[in-house]
Amino acid sequence: RLLLLSLGSGLTLLLVLCLGAQNLNDRHRLNLGVGQSAPLP
């Protein structure tokens, strides 16, 4: 029950986060050491 609650709340927050990040214009790249990530808000 703890594991399913944790995964369920994480997936719900991730869904809300992806929906909310659609219209953000200020995007940054992460320096990963070997390369850079895609531009993300």
Full PDB file with SEQRES, HELIX, SHEET, SSBOND, CRYST1, ORIGX, SCALE, CONECT and MASTER records, all heavy atoms in Angstrom:
SEQRES   1 A   41  ARG LEU LEU LEU LEU SER LEU GLY SER GLY LEU THR LEU          
SEQRES   2 A   41  LEU LEU VAL LEU CYS LEU GLY ALA GLN ASN LEU ASN ASP          
SEQRES   3 A   41  ARG HIS ARG LEU ASN LEU GLY VAL GLY GLN SER ALA PRO          
SEQRES   4 A   41  LEU PRO                                                      
HELIX    1 AA1 LEU A    2  GLY A   20  1                                  19    
CRYST1    1.000    1.000    1.000  90.00  90.00  90.00 P 1           1          
ORIGX1      1.000000  0.000000  0.000000        0.00000                         
ORIGX2      0.000000  1.000000  0.000000        0.00000                         
ORIGX3      0.000000  0.000000  1.000000        0.00000                         
SCALE1      1.000000  0.000000  0.000000        0.00000                         
SCALE2      0.000000  1.000000  0.000000        0.00000                         
SCALE3      0.000000  0.000000  1.000000        0.00000                         
ATOM      1  N   ARG A   1       0.826  -1.203   0.000  1.00  0.00           N  
ATOM      2  CA  ARG A   1       0.000   0.000   0.000  1.00  0.00           C  
ATOM      3  C   ARG A   1       0.863   1.256   0.000  1.00  0.00           C  
ATOM      4  O   ARG A   1       0.573   2.214  -0.718  1.00  0.00           O  
ATOM      5  CB  ARG A   1      -0.922  -0.012   1.211  1.00  0.00           C  
ATOM      6  CG  ARG A   1      -1.947   1.077   1.157  1.00  0.00           C  
ATOM      7  CD  ARG A   1      -2.918   1.091   2.318  1.00  0.00           C  
ATOM      8  NE  ARG A   1      -3.091  -0.203   2.943  1.00  0.00           N  
ATOM      9  CZ  ARG A   1      -3.480  -0.374   4.194  1.00  0.00           C  
ATOM     10  NH1 ARG A   1      -3.723   0.654   4.953  1.00  0.00           N  
ATOM     11  NH2 ARG A   1      -3.630  -1.574   4.698  1.00  0.00           N  
ATOM     12  N   LEU A   2       1.947   1.278   0.802  1.00  0.00           N  
ATOM     13  CA  LEU A   2       2.858   2.422   0.806  1.00  0.00           C  
ATOM     14  C   LEU A   2       3.532   2.614  -0.551  1.00  0.00           C  
ATOM     15  O   LEU A   2       3.661   3.735  -1.039  1.00  0.00           O  
ATOM     16  CB  LEU A   2       3.930   2.236   1.884  1.00  0.00           C  
ATOM     17  CG  LEU A   2       3.546   2.554   3.314  1.00  0.00           C  
ATOM     18  CD1 LEU A   2       4.672   2.144   4.250  1.00  0.00           C  
ATOM     19  CD2 LEU A   2       3.245   4.022   3.466  1.00  0.00           C  
ATOM     20  N   LEU A   3       3.954   1.533  -1.154  1.00  0.00           N  
ATOM     21  CA  LEU A   3       4.614   1.613  -2.451  1.00  0.00           C  
ATOM     22  C   LEU A   3       3.660   2.108  -3.534  1.00  0.00           C  
ATOM     23  O   LEU A   3       4.007   2.985  -4.327  1.00  0.00           O  
ATOM     24  CB  LEU A   3       5.193   0.250  -2.825  1.00  0.00           C  
ATOM     25  CG  LEU A   3       6.042   0.195  -4.084  1.00  0.00           C  
ATOM     26  CD1 LEU A   3       7.259   1.086  -3.949  1.00  0.00           C  
ATOM     27  CD2 LEU A   3       6.447  -1.223  -4.376  1.00  0.00           C  
ATOM     28  N   LEU A   4       2.444   1.576  -3.563  1.00  0.00           N  
ATOM     29  CA  LEU A   4       1.462   2.006  -4.559  1.00  0.00           C  
ATOM     30  C   LEU A   4       1.022   3.449  -4.338  1.00  0.00           C  
ATOM     31  O   LEU A   4       0.823   4.193  -5.299  1.00  0.00           O  
ATOM     32  CB  LEU A   4       0.253   1.073  -4.545  1.00  0.00           C  
ATOM     33  CG  LEU A   4       0.497  -0.329  -5.095  1.00  0.00           C  
ATOM     34  CD1 LEU A   4      -0.757  -1.176  -4.955  1.00  0.00           C  
ATOM     35  CD2 LEU A   4       0.958  -0.264  -6.527  1.00  0.00           C  
ATOM     36  N   LEU A   5       0.905   3.866  -3.092  1.00  0.00           N  
ATOM     37  CA  LEU A   5       0.553   5.251  -2.797  1.00  0.00           C  
ATOM     38  C   LEU A   5       1.659   6.196  -3.249  1.00  0.00           C  
ATOM     39  O   LEU A   5       1.401   7.252  -3.824  1.00  0.00           O  
ATOM     40  CB  LEU A   5       0.282   5.413  -1.306  1.00  0.00           C  
ATOM     41  CG  LEU A   5      -0.151   6.799  -0.853  1.00  0.00           C  
ATOM     42  CD1 LEU A   5      -1.512   7.131  -1.441  1.00  0.00           C  
ATOM     43  CD2 LEU A   5      -0.194   6.864   0.653  1.00  0.00           C  
ATOM     44  N   SER A   6       2.899   5.803  -3.026  1.00  0.00           N  
ATOM     45  CA  SER A   6       4.030   6.625  -3.436  1.00  0.00           C  
ATOM     46  C   SER A   6       4.111   6.735  -4.957  1.00  0.00           C  
ATOM     47  O   SER A   6       4.280   7.831  -5.505  1.00  0.00           O  
ATOM     48  CB  SER A   6       5.321   6.023  -2.889  1.00  0.00           C  
ATOM     49  OG  SER A   6       6.435   6.647  -3.451  1.00  0.00           O  
ATOM     50  N   LEU A   7       3.978   5.622  -5.648  1.00  0.00           N  
ATOM     51  CA  LEU A   7       4.040   5.638  -7.107  1.00  0.00           C  
ATOM     52  C   LEU A   7       2.842   6.380  -7.707  1.00  0.00           C  
ATOM     53  O   LEU A   7       2.989   7.132  -8.676  1.00  0.00           O  
ATOM     54  CB  LEU A   7       4.094   4.210  -7.653  1.00  0.00           C  
ATOM     55  CG  LEU A   7       5.398   3.458  -7.400  1.00  0.00           C  
ATOM     56  CD1 LEU A   7       5.269   2.020  -7.866  1.00  0.00           C  
ATOM     57  CD2 LEU A   7       6.552   4.143  -8.063  1.00  0.00           C  
ATOM     58  N   GLY A   8       1.680   6.190  -7.137  1.00  0.00           N  
ATOM     59  CA  GLY A   8       0.491   6.872  -7.641  1.00  0.00           C  
ATOM     60  C   GLY A   8       0.570   8.379  -7.464  1.00  0.00           C  
ATOM     61  O   GLY A   8       0.241   9.146  -8.380  1.00  0.00           O  
ATOM     62  N   SER A   9       1.023   8.815  -6.299  1.00  0.00           N  
ATOM     63  CA  SER A   9       1.139  10.263  -6.086  1.00  0.00           C  
ATOM     64  C   SER A   9       2.249  10.852  -6.948  1.00  0.00           C  
ATOM     65  O   SER A   9       2.122  11.969  -7.457  1.00  0.00           O  
ATOM     66  CB  SER A   9       1.382  10.573  -4.611  1.00  0.00           C  
ATOM     67  OG  SER A   9       2.604  10.016  -4.178  1.00  0.00           O  
ATOM     68  N   GLY A  10       3.325  10.115  -7.153  1.00  0.00           N  
ATOM     69  CA  GLY A  10       4.394  10.589  -8.028  1.00  0.00           C  
ATOM     70  C   GLY A  10       3.940  10.717  -9.471  1.00  0.00           C  
ATOM     71  O   GLY A  10       4.237  11.711 -10.140  1.00  0.00           O  
ATOM     72  N   LEU A  11       3.191   9.741  -9.951  1.00  0.00           N  
ATOM     73  CA  LEU A  11       2.686   9.814 -11.320  1.00  0.00           C  
ATOM     74  C   LEU A  11       1.659  10.931 -11.495  1.00  0.00           C  
ATOM     75  O   LEU A  11       1.635  11.611 -12.523  1.00  0.00           O  
ATOM     76  CB  LEU A  11       2.071   8.471 -11.722  1.00  0.00           C  
ATOM     77  CG  LEU A  11       3.073   7.362 -12.020  1.00  0.00           C  
ATOM     78  CD1 LEU A  11       2.340   6.047 -12.282  1.00  0.00           C  
ATOM     79  CD2 LEU A  11       3.940   7.733 -13.196  1.00  0.00           C  
ATOM     80  N   THR A  12       0.837  11.147 -10.481  1.00  0.00           N  
ATOM     81  CA  THR A  12      -0.136  12.234 -10.549  1.00  0.00           C  
ATOM     82  C   THR A  12       0.560  13.589 -10.578  1.00  0.00           C  
ATOM     83  O   THR A  12       0.204  14.463 -11.377  1.00  0.00           O  
ATOM     84  CB  THR A  12      -1.092  12.158  -9.349  1.00  0.00           C  
ATOM     85  OG1 THR A  12      -1.714  10.874  -9.323  1.00  0.00           O  
ATOM     86  CG2 THR A  12      -2.148  13.238  -9.415  1.00  0.00           C  
ATOM     87  N   LEU A  13       1.554  13.767  -9.729  1.00  0.00           N  
ATOM     88  CA  LEU A  13       2.303  15.021  -9.734  1.00  0.00           C  
ATOM     89  C   LEU A  13       3.062  15.214 -11.043  1.00  0.00           C  
ATOM     90  O   LEU A  13       3.167  16.336 -11.543  1.00  0.00           O  
ATOM     91  CB  LEU A  13       3.272  15.058  -8.556  1.00  0.00           C  
ATOM     92  CG  LEU A  13       2.649  15.332  -7.198  1.00  0.00           C  
ATOM     93  CD1 LEU A  13       3.697  15.180  -6.105  1.00  0.00           C  
ATOM     94  CD2 LEU A  13       2.056  16.709  -7.157  1.00  0.00           C  
ATOM     95  N   LEU A  14       3.591  14.143 -11.611  1.00  0.00           N  
ATOM     96  CA  LEU A  14       4.294  14.238 -12.884  1.00  0.00           C  
ATOM     97  C   LEU A  14       3.335  14.648 -14.004  1.00  0.00           C  
ATOM     98  O   LEU A  14       3.690  15.465 -14.856  1.00  0.00           O  
ATOM     99  CB  LEU A  14       4.964  12.906 -13.222  1.00  0.00           C  
ATOM    100  CG  LEU A  14       5.804  12.871 -14.484  1.00  0.00           C  
ATOM    101  CD1 LEU A  14       6.987  13.828 -14.358  1.00  0.00           C  
ATOM    102  CD2 LEU A  14       6.274  11.466 -14.756  1.00  0.00           C  
ATOM    103  N   LEU A  15       2.124  14.130 -13.997  1.00  0.00           N  
ATOM    104  CA  LEU A  15       1.126  14.506 -14.994  1.00  0.00           C  
ATOM    105  C   LEU A  15       0.770  15.982 -14.880  1.00  0.00           C  
ATOM    106  O   LEU A  15       0.735  16.700 -15.883  1.00  0.00           O  
ATOM    107  CB  LEU A  15      -0.127  13.639 -14.830  1.00  0.00           C  
ATOM    108  CG  LEU A  15      -1.291  13.980 -15.747  1.00  0.00           C  
ATOM    109  CD1 LEU A  15      -0.941  13.600 -17.186  1.00  0.00           C  
ATOM    110  CD2 LEU A  15      -2.542  13.282 -15.293  1.00  0.00           C  
ATOM    111  N   VAL A  16       0.545  16.451 -13.667  1.00  0.00           N  
ATOM    112  CA  VAL A  16       0.225  17.857 -13.452  1.00  0.00           C  
ATOM    113  C   VAL A  16       1.408  18.737 -13.838  1.00  0.00           C  
ATOM    114  O   VAL A  16       1.241  19.804 -14.435  1.00  0.00           O  
ATOM    115  CB  VAL A  16      -0.196  18.090 -11.983  1.00  0.00           C  
ATOM    116  CG1 VAL A  16      -0.306  19.561 -11.659  1.00  0.00           C  
ATOM    117  CG2 VAL A  16      -1.499  17.381 -11.693  1.00  0.00           C  
ATOM    118  N   LEU A  17       2.603  18.287 -13.542  1.00  0.00           N  
ATOM    119  CA  LEU A  17       3.808  19.038 -13.889  1.00  0.00           C  
ATOM    120  C   LEU A  17       3.973  19.151 -15.396  1.00  0.00           C  
ATOM    121  O   LEU A  17       4.292  20.221 -15.916  1.00  0.00           O  
ATOM    122  CB  LEU A  17       5.032  18.356 -13.276  1.00  0.00           C  
ATOM    123  CG  LEU A  17       6.384  18.972 -13.568  1.00  0.00           C  
ATOM    124  CD1 LEU A  17       6.485  20.336 -12.916  1.00  0.00           C  
ATOM    125  CD2 LEU A  17       7.474  18.061 -13.077  1.00  0.00           C  
ATOM    126  N   CYS A  18       3.746  18.070 -16.108  1.00  0.00           N  
ATOM    127  CA  CYS A  18       3.867  18.104 -17.573  1.00  0.00           C  
ATOM    128  C   CYS A  18       2.806  18.995 -18.199  1.00  0.00           C  
ATOM    129  O   CYS A  18       3.085  19.708 -19.164  1.00  0.00           O  
ATOM    130  CB  CYS A  18       3.769  16.689 -18.144  1.00  0.00           C  
ATOM    131  SG  CYS A  18       5.200  15.681 -17.804  1.00  0.00           S  
ATOM    132  N   LEU A  19       1.609  18.976 -17.654  1.00  0.00           N  
ATOM    133  CA  LEU A  19       0.563  19.853 -18.175  1.00  0.00           C  
ATOM    134  C   LEU A  19       0.861  21.315 -17.885  1.00  0.00           C  
ATOM    135  O   LEU A  19       0.594  22.189 -18.705  1.00  0.00           O  
ATOM    136  CB  LEU A  19      -0.795  19.463 -17.591  1.00  0.00           C  
ATOM    137  CG  LEU A  19      -1.365  18.141 -18.067  1.00  0.00           C  
ATOM    138  CD1 LEU A  19      -2.657  17.847 -17.328  1.00  0.00           C  
ATOM    139  CD2 LEU A  19      -1.591  18.170 -19.554  1.00  0.00           C  
ATOM    140  N   GLY A  20       1.422  21.598 -16.728  1.00  0.00           N  
ATOM    141  CA  GLY A  20       1.713  22.974 -16.352  1.00  0.00           C  
ATOM    142  C   GLY A  20       2.926  23.561 -17.035  1.00  0.00           C  
ATOM    143  O   GLY A  20       3.060  24.774 -17.151  1.00  0.00           O  
ATOM    144  N   ALA A  21       3.833  22.724 -17.506  1.00  0.00           N  
ATOM    145  CA  ALA A  21       5.073  23.208 -18.109  1.00  0.00           C  
ATOM    146  C   ALA A  21       4.952  23.425 -19.612  1.00  0.00           C  
ATOM    147  O   ALA A  21       5.946  23.709 -20.266  1.00  0.00           O  
ATOM    148  CB  ALA A  21       6.201  22.222 -17.824  1.00  0.00           C  
ATOM    149  N   GLN A  22       3.760  23.336 -20.157  1.00  0.00           N  
ATOM    150  CA  GLN A  22       3.590  23.447 -21.601  1.00  0.00           C  
ATOM    151  C   GLN A  22       3.871  24.841 -22.125  1.00  0.00           C  
ATOM    152  O   GLN A  22       4.440  25.004 -23.192  1.00  0.00           O  
ATOM    153  CB  GLN A  22       2.167  23.045 -21.995  1.00  0.00           C  
ATOM    154  CG  GLN A  22       1.875  21.591 -21.790  1.00  0.00           C  
ATOM    155  CD  GLN A  22       2.665  20.712 -22.734  1.00  0.00           C  
ATOM    156  OE1 GLN A  22       2.817  21.025 -23.891  1.00  0.00           O  
ATOM    157  NE2 GLN A  22       3.183  19.618 -22.207  1.00  0.00           N  
ATOM    158  N   ASN A  23       3.485  25.876 -21.396  1.00  0.00           N  
ATOM    159  CA  ASN A  23       3.538  27.232 -21.928  1.00  0.00           C  
ATOM    160  C   ASN A  23       4.662  28.073 -21.332  1.00  0.00           C  
ATOM    161  O   ASN A  23       4.593  29.291 -21.394  1.00  0.00           O  
ATOM    162  CB  ASN A  23       2.198  27.925 -21.693  1.00  0.00           C  
ATOM    163  CG  ASN A  23       1.096  27.252 -22.465  1.00  0.00           C  
ATOM    164  OD1 ASN A  23       1.327  26.754 -23.552  1.00  0.00           O  
ATOM    165  ND2 ASN A  23      -0.087  27.231 -21.895  1.00  0.00           N  
ATOM    166  N   LEU A  24       5.658  27.473 -20.745  1.00  0.00           N  
ATOM    167  CA  LEU A  24       6.759  28.240 -20.181  1.00  0.00           C  
ATOM    168  C   LEU A  24       7.791  28.527 -21.259  1.00  0.00           C  
ATOM    169  O   LEU A  24       8.212  27.641 -21.999  1.00  0.00           O  
ATOM    170  CB  LEU A  24       7.399  27.461 -19.023  1.00  0.00           C  
ATOM    171  CG  LEU A  24       6.453  27.188 -17.848  1.00  0.00           C  
ATOM    172  CD1 LEU A  24       7.155  26.330 -16.814  1.00  0.00           C  
ATOM    173  CD2 LEU A  24       5.994  28.480 -17.225  1.00  0.00           C  
ATOM    174  N   ASN A  25       8.201  29.776 -21.375  1.00  0.00           N  
ATOM    175  CA  ASN A  25       9.110  30.184 -22.437  1.00  0.00           C  
ATOM    176  C   ASN A  25      10.572  30.182 -22.023  1.00  0.00           C  
ATOM    177  O   ASN A  25      11.456  30.021 -22.861  1.00  0.00           O  
ATOM    178  CB  ASN A  25       8.727  31.579 -22.940  1.00  0.00           C  
ATOM    179  CG  ASN A  25       7.377  31.566 -23.606  1.00  0.00           C  
ATOM    180  OD1 ASN A  25       7.015  30.583 -24.228  1.00  0.00           O  
ATOM    181  ND2 ASN A  25       6.632  32.637 -23.448  1.00  0.00           N  
ATOM    182  N   ASP A  26      10.878  30.416 -20.756  1.00  0.00           N  
ATOM    183  CA  ASP A  26      12.260  30.490 -20.283  1.00  0.00           C  
ATOM    184  C   ASP A  26      12.809  29.073 -20.115  1.00  0.00           C  
ATOM    185  O   ASP A  26      12.457  28.369 -19.180  1.00  0.00           O  
ATOM    186  CB  ASP A  26      12.304  31.252 -18.958  1.00  0.00           C  
ATOM    187  CG  ASP A  26      13.707  31.548 -18.517  1.00  0.00           C  
ATOM    188  OD1 ASP A  26      14.599  31.574 -19.384  1.00  0.00           O  
ATOM    189  OD2 ASP A  26      13.907  31.761 -17.311  1.00  0.00           O  
ATOM    190  N   ARG A  27      13.682  28.656 -21.017  1.00  0.00           N  
ATOM    191  CA  ARG A  27      14.186  27.279 -21.005  1.00  0.00           C  
ATOM    192  C   ARG A  27      15.694  27.270 -20.800  1.00  0.00           C  
ATOM    193  O   ARG A  27      16.411  28.113 -21.319  1.00  0.00           O  
ATOM    194  CB  ARG A  27      13.826  26.578 -22.301  1.00  0.00           C  
ATOM    195  CG  ARG A  27      12.331  26.480 -22.484  1.00  0.00           C  
ATOM    196  CD  ARG A  27      11.953  25.821 -23.784  1.00  0.00           C  
ATOM    197  NE  ARG A  27      10.526  25.849 -23.977  1.00  0.00           N  
ATOM    198  CZ  ARG A  27       9.719  24.872 -23.639  1.00  0.00           C  
ATOM    199  NH1 ARG A  27      10.187  23.795 -23.088  1.00  0.00           N  
ATOM    200  NH2 ARG A  27       8.421  24.982 -23.858  1.00  0.00           N  
ATOM    201  N   HIS A  28      16.170  26.297 -20.038  1.00  0.00           N  
ATOM    202  CA  HIS A  28      17.593  26.168 -19.727  1.00  0.00           C  
ATOM    203  C   HIS A  28      18.065  24.770 -20.105  1.00  0.00           C  
ATOM    204  O   HIS A  28      17.300  23.819 -20.133  1.00  0.00           O  
ATOM    205  CB  HIS A  28      17.838  26.403 -18.238  1.00  0.00           C  
ATOM    206  CG  HIS A  28      17.367  27.734 -17.763  1.00  0.00           C  
ATOM    207  ND1 HIS A  28      18.065  28.881 -17.995  1.00  0.00           N  
ATOM    208  CD2 HIS A  28      16.254  28.105 -17.089  1.00  0.00           C  
ATOM    209  CE1 HIS A  28      17.424  29.905 -17.475  1.00  0.00           C  
ATOM    210  NE2 HIS A  28      16.303  29.449 -16.921  1.00  0.00           N  
ATOM    211  N   ARG A  29      19.362  24.656 -20.351  1.00  0.00           N  
ATOM    212  CA  ARG A  29      19.973  23.350 -20.611  1.00  0.00           C  
ATOM    213  C   ARG A  29      20.732  22.896 -19.371  1.00  0.00           C  
ATOM    214  O   ARG A  29      21.337  23.703 -18.682  1.00  0.00           O  
ATOM    215  CB  ARG A  29      20.952  23.440 -21.774  1.00  0.00           C  
ATOM    216  CG  ARG A  29      20.295  23.660 -23.101  1.00  0.00           C  
ATOM    217  CD  ARG A  29      21.354  23.658 -24.191  1.00  0.00           C  
ATOM    218  NE  ARG A  29      20.759  23.918 -25.484  1.00  0.00           N  
ATOM    219  CZ  ARG A  29      20.381  22.961 -26.317  1.00  0.00           C  
ATOM    220  NH1 ARG A  29      20.523  21.701 -25.983  1.00  0.00           N  
ATOM    221  NH2 ARG A  29      19.840  23.267 -27.475  1.00  0.00           N  
ATOM    222  N   LEU A  30      20.710  21.612 -19.109  1.00  0.00           N  
ATOM    223  CA  LEU A  30      21.480  21.043 -18.005  1.00  0.00           C  
ATOM    224  C   LEU A  30      22.807  20.523 -18.537  1.00  0.00           C  
ATOM    225  O   LEU A  30      22.840  19.821 -19.551  1.00  0.00           O  
ATOM    226  CB  LEU A  30      20.730  19.887 -17.352  1.00  0.00           C  
ATOM    227  CG  LEU A  30      19.485  20.230 -16.557  1.00  0.00           C  
ATOM    228  CD1 LEU A  30      18.859  18.960 -16.035  1.00  0.00           C  
ATOM    229  CD2 LEU A  30      19.812  21.155 -15.428  1.00  0.00           C  
ATOM    230  N   ASN A  31      23.889  20.868 -17.860  1.00  0.00           N  
ATOM    231  CA  ASN A  31      25.197  20.341 -18.216  1.00  0.00           C  
ATOM    232  C   ASN A  31      25.374  19.003 -17.500  1.00  0.00           C  
ATOM    233  O   ASN A  31      25.482  18.950 -16.280  1.00  0.00           O  
ATOM    234  CB  ASN A  31      26.293  21.330 -17.809  1.00  0.00           C  
ATOM    235  CG  ASN A  31      27.648  20.905 -18.304  1.00  0.00           C  
ATOM    236  OD1 ASN A  31      27.768  19.925 -19.023  1.00  0.00           O  
ATOM    237  ND2 ASN A  31      28.657  21.654 -17.923  1.00  0.00           N  
ATOM    238  N   LEU A  32      25.405  17.920 -18.257  1.00  0.00           N  
ATOM    239  CA  LEU A  32      25.457  16.576 -17.682  1.00  0.00           C  
ATOM    240  C   LEU A  32      26.867  16.013 -17.602  1.00  0.00           C  
ATOM    241  O   LEU A  32      27.048  14.857 -17.257  1.00  0.00           O  
ATOM    242  CB  LEU A  32      24.575  15.633 -18.504  1.00  0.00           C  
ATOM    243  CG  LEU A  32      23.107  16.044 -18.596  1.00  0.00           C  
ATOM    244  CD1 LEU A  32      22.369  15.139 -19.557  1.00  0.00           C  
ATOM    245  CD2 LEU A  32      22.461  16.041 -17.235  1.00  0.00           C  
ATOM    246  N   GLY A  33      27.870  16.789 -17.927  1.00  0.00           N  
ATOM    247  CA  GLY A  33      29.244  16.308 -17.878  1.00  0.00           C  
ATOM    248  C   GLY A  33      29.706  15.788 -19.221  1.00  0.00           C  
ATOM    249  O   GLY A  33      30.757  16.153 -19.710  1.00  0.00           O  
ATOM    250  N   VAL A  34      28.941  14.910 -19.835  1.00  0.00           N  
ATOM    251  CA  VAL A  34      29.292  14.365 -21.140  1.00  0.00           C  
ATOM    252  C   VAL A  34      28.638  15.167 -22.262  1.00  0.00           C  
ATOM    253  O   VAL A  34      29.123  15.173 -23.373  1.00  0.00           O  
ATOM    254  CB  VAL A  34      28.826  12.898 -21.269  1.00  0.00           C  
ATOM    255  CG1 VAL A  34      29.834  12.064 -21.970  1.00  0.00           C  
ATOM    256  CG2 VAL A  34      28.433  12.301 -19.969  1.00  0.00           C  
ATOM    257  N   GLY A  35      27.577  15.834 -21.956  1.00  0.00           N  
ATOM    258  CA  GLY A  35      26.854  16.624 -22.945  1.00  0.00           C  
ATOM    259  C   GLY A  35      25.835  17.500 -22.253  1.00  0.00           C  
ATOM    260  O   GLY A  35      25.929  17.743 -21.051  1.00  0.00           O  
ATOM    261  N   GLN A  36      24.893  17.967 -23.008  1.00  0.00           N  
ATOM    262  CA  GLN A  36      23.835  18.813 -22.453  1.00  0.00           C  
ATOM    263  C   GLN A  36      22.468  18.213 -22.750  1.00  0.00           C  
ATOM    264  O   GLN A  36      22.299  17.471 -23.724  1.00  0.00           O  
ATOM    265  CB  GLN A  36      23.905  20.217 -23.052  1.00  0.00           C  
ATOM    266  CG  GLN A  36      25.109  20.997 -22.607  1.00  0.00           C  
ATOM    267  CD  GLN A  36      25.090  22.410 -23.150  1.00  0.00           C  
ATOM    268  OE1 GLN A  36      24.369  22.702 -24.101  1.00  0.00           O  
ATOM    269  NE2 GLN A  36      25.882  23.277 -22.548  1.00  0.00           N  
ATOM    270  N   SER A  37      21.531  18.526 -21.886  1.00  0.00           N  
ATOM    271  CA  SER A  37      20.169  18.031 -22.089  1.00  0.00           C  
ATOM    272  C   SER A  37      19.430  18.927 -23.071  1.00  0.00           C  
ATOM    273  O   SER A  37      19.933  19.953 -23.516  1.00  0.00           O  
ATOM    274  CB  SER A  37      19.426  17.998 -20.749  1.00  0.00           C  
ATOM    275  OG  SER A  37      19.155  19.313 -20.327  1.00  0.00           O  
ATOM    276  N   ALA A  38      18.240  18.540 -23.389  1.00  0.00           N  
ATOM    277  CA  ALA A  38      17.369  19.377 -24.214  1.00  0.00           C  
ATOM    278  C   ALA A  38      16.977  20.605 -23.400  1.00  0.00           C  
ATOM    279  O   ALA A  38      16.992  20.565 -22.168  1.00  0.00           O  
ATOM    280  CB  ALA A  38      16.138  18.587 -24.619  1.00  0.00           C  
ATOM    281  N   PRO A  39      16.625  21.695 -24.044  1.00  0.00           N  
ATOM    282  CA  PRO A  39      16.196  22.870 -23.289  1.00  0.00           C  
ATOM    283  C   PRO A  39      14.885  22.601 -22.545  1.00  0.00           C  
ATOM    284  O   PRO A  39      13.886  22.208 -23.146  1.00  0.00           O  
ATOM    285  CB  PRO A  39      16.021  23.958 -24.346  1.00  0.00           C  
ATOM    286  CG  PRO A  39      16.163  23.316 -25.657  1.00  0.00           C  
ATOM    287  CD  PRO A  39      16.694  21.949 -25.478  1.00  0.00           C  
ATOM    288  N   LEU A  40      14.924  22.768 -21.236  1.00  0.00           N  
ATOM    289  CA  LEU A  40      13.767  22.494 -20.390  1.00  0.00           C  
ATOM    290  C   LEU A  40      13.455  23.719 -19.537  1.00  0.00           C  
ATOM    291  O   LEU A  40      14.359  24.448 -19.138  1.00  0.00           O  
ATOM    292  CB  LEU A  40      14.051  21.310 -19.457  1.00  0.00           C  
ATOM    293  CG  LEU A  40      14.340  19.976 -20.117  1.00  0.00           C  
ATOM    294  CD1 LEU A  40      14.877  18.995 -19.101  1.00  0.00           C  
ATOM    295  CD2 LEU A  40      13.100  19.440 -20.766  1.00  0.00           C  
ATOM    296  N   PRO A  41      12.173  23.951 -19.211  1.00  0.00           N  
ATOM    297  CA  PRO A  41      11.839  25.039 -18.291  1.00  0.00           C  
ATOM    298  C   PRO A  41      12.411  24.766 -16.902  1.00  0.00           C  
ATOM    299  O   PRO A  41      12.485  23.614 -16.457  1.00  0.00           O  
ATOM    300  CB  PRO A  41      10.313  25.037 -18.257  1.00  0.00           C  
ATOM    301  CG  PRO A  41       9.882  24.274 -19.446  1.00  0.00           C  
ATOM    302  CD  PRO A  41      10.986  23.319 -19.763  1.00  0.00           C  
TER     303      PRO A  41                                                      
MASTER        0    0    0    1    0    0    0    6  302    1    0    4          
END                                                                             
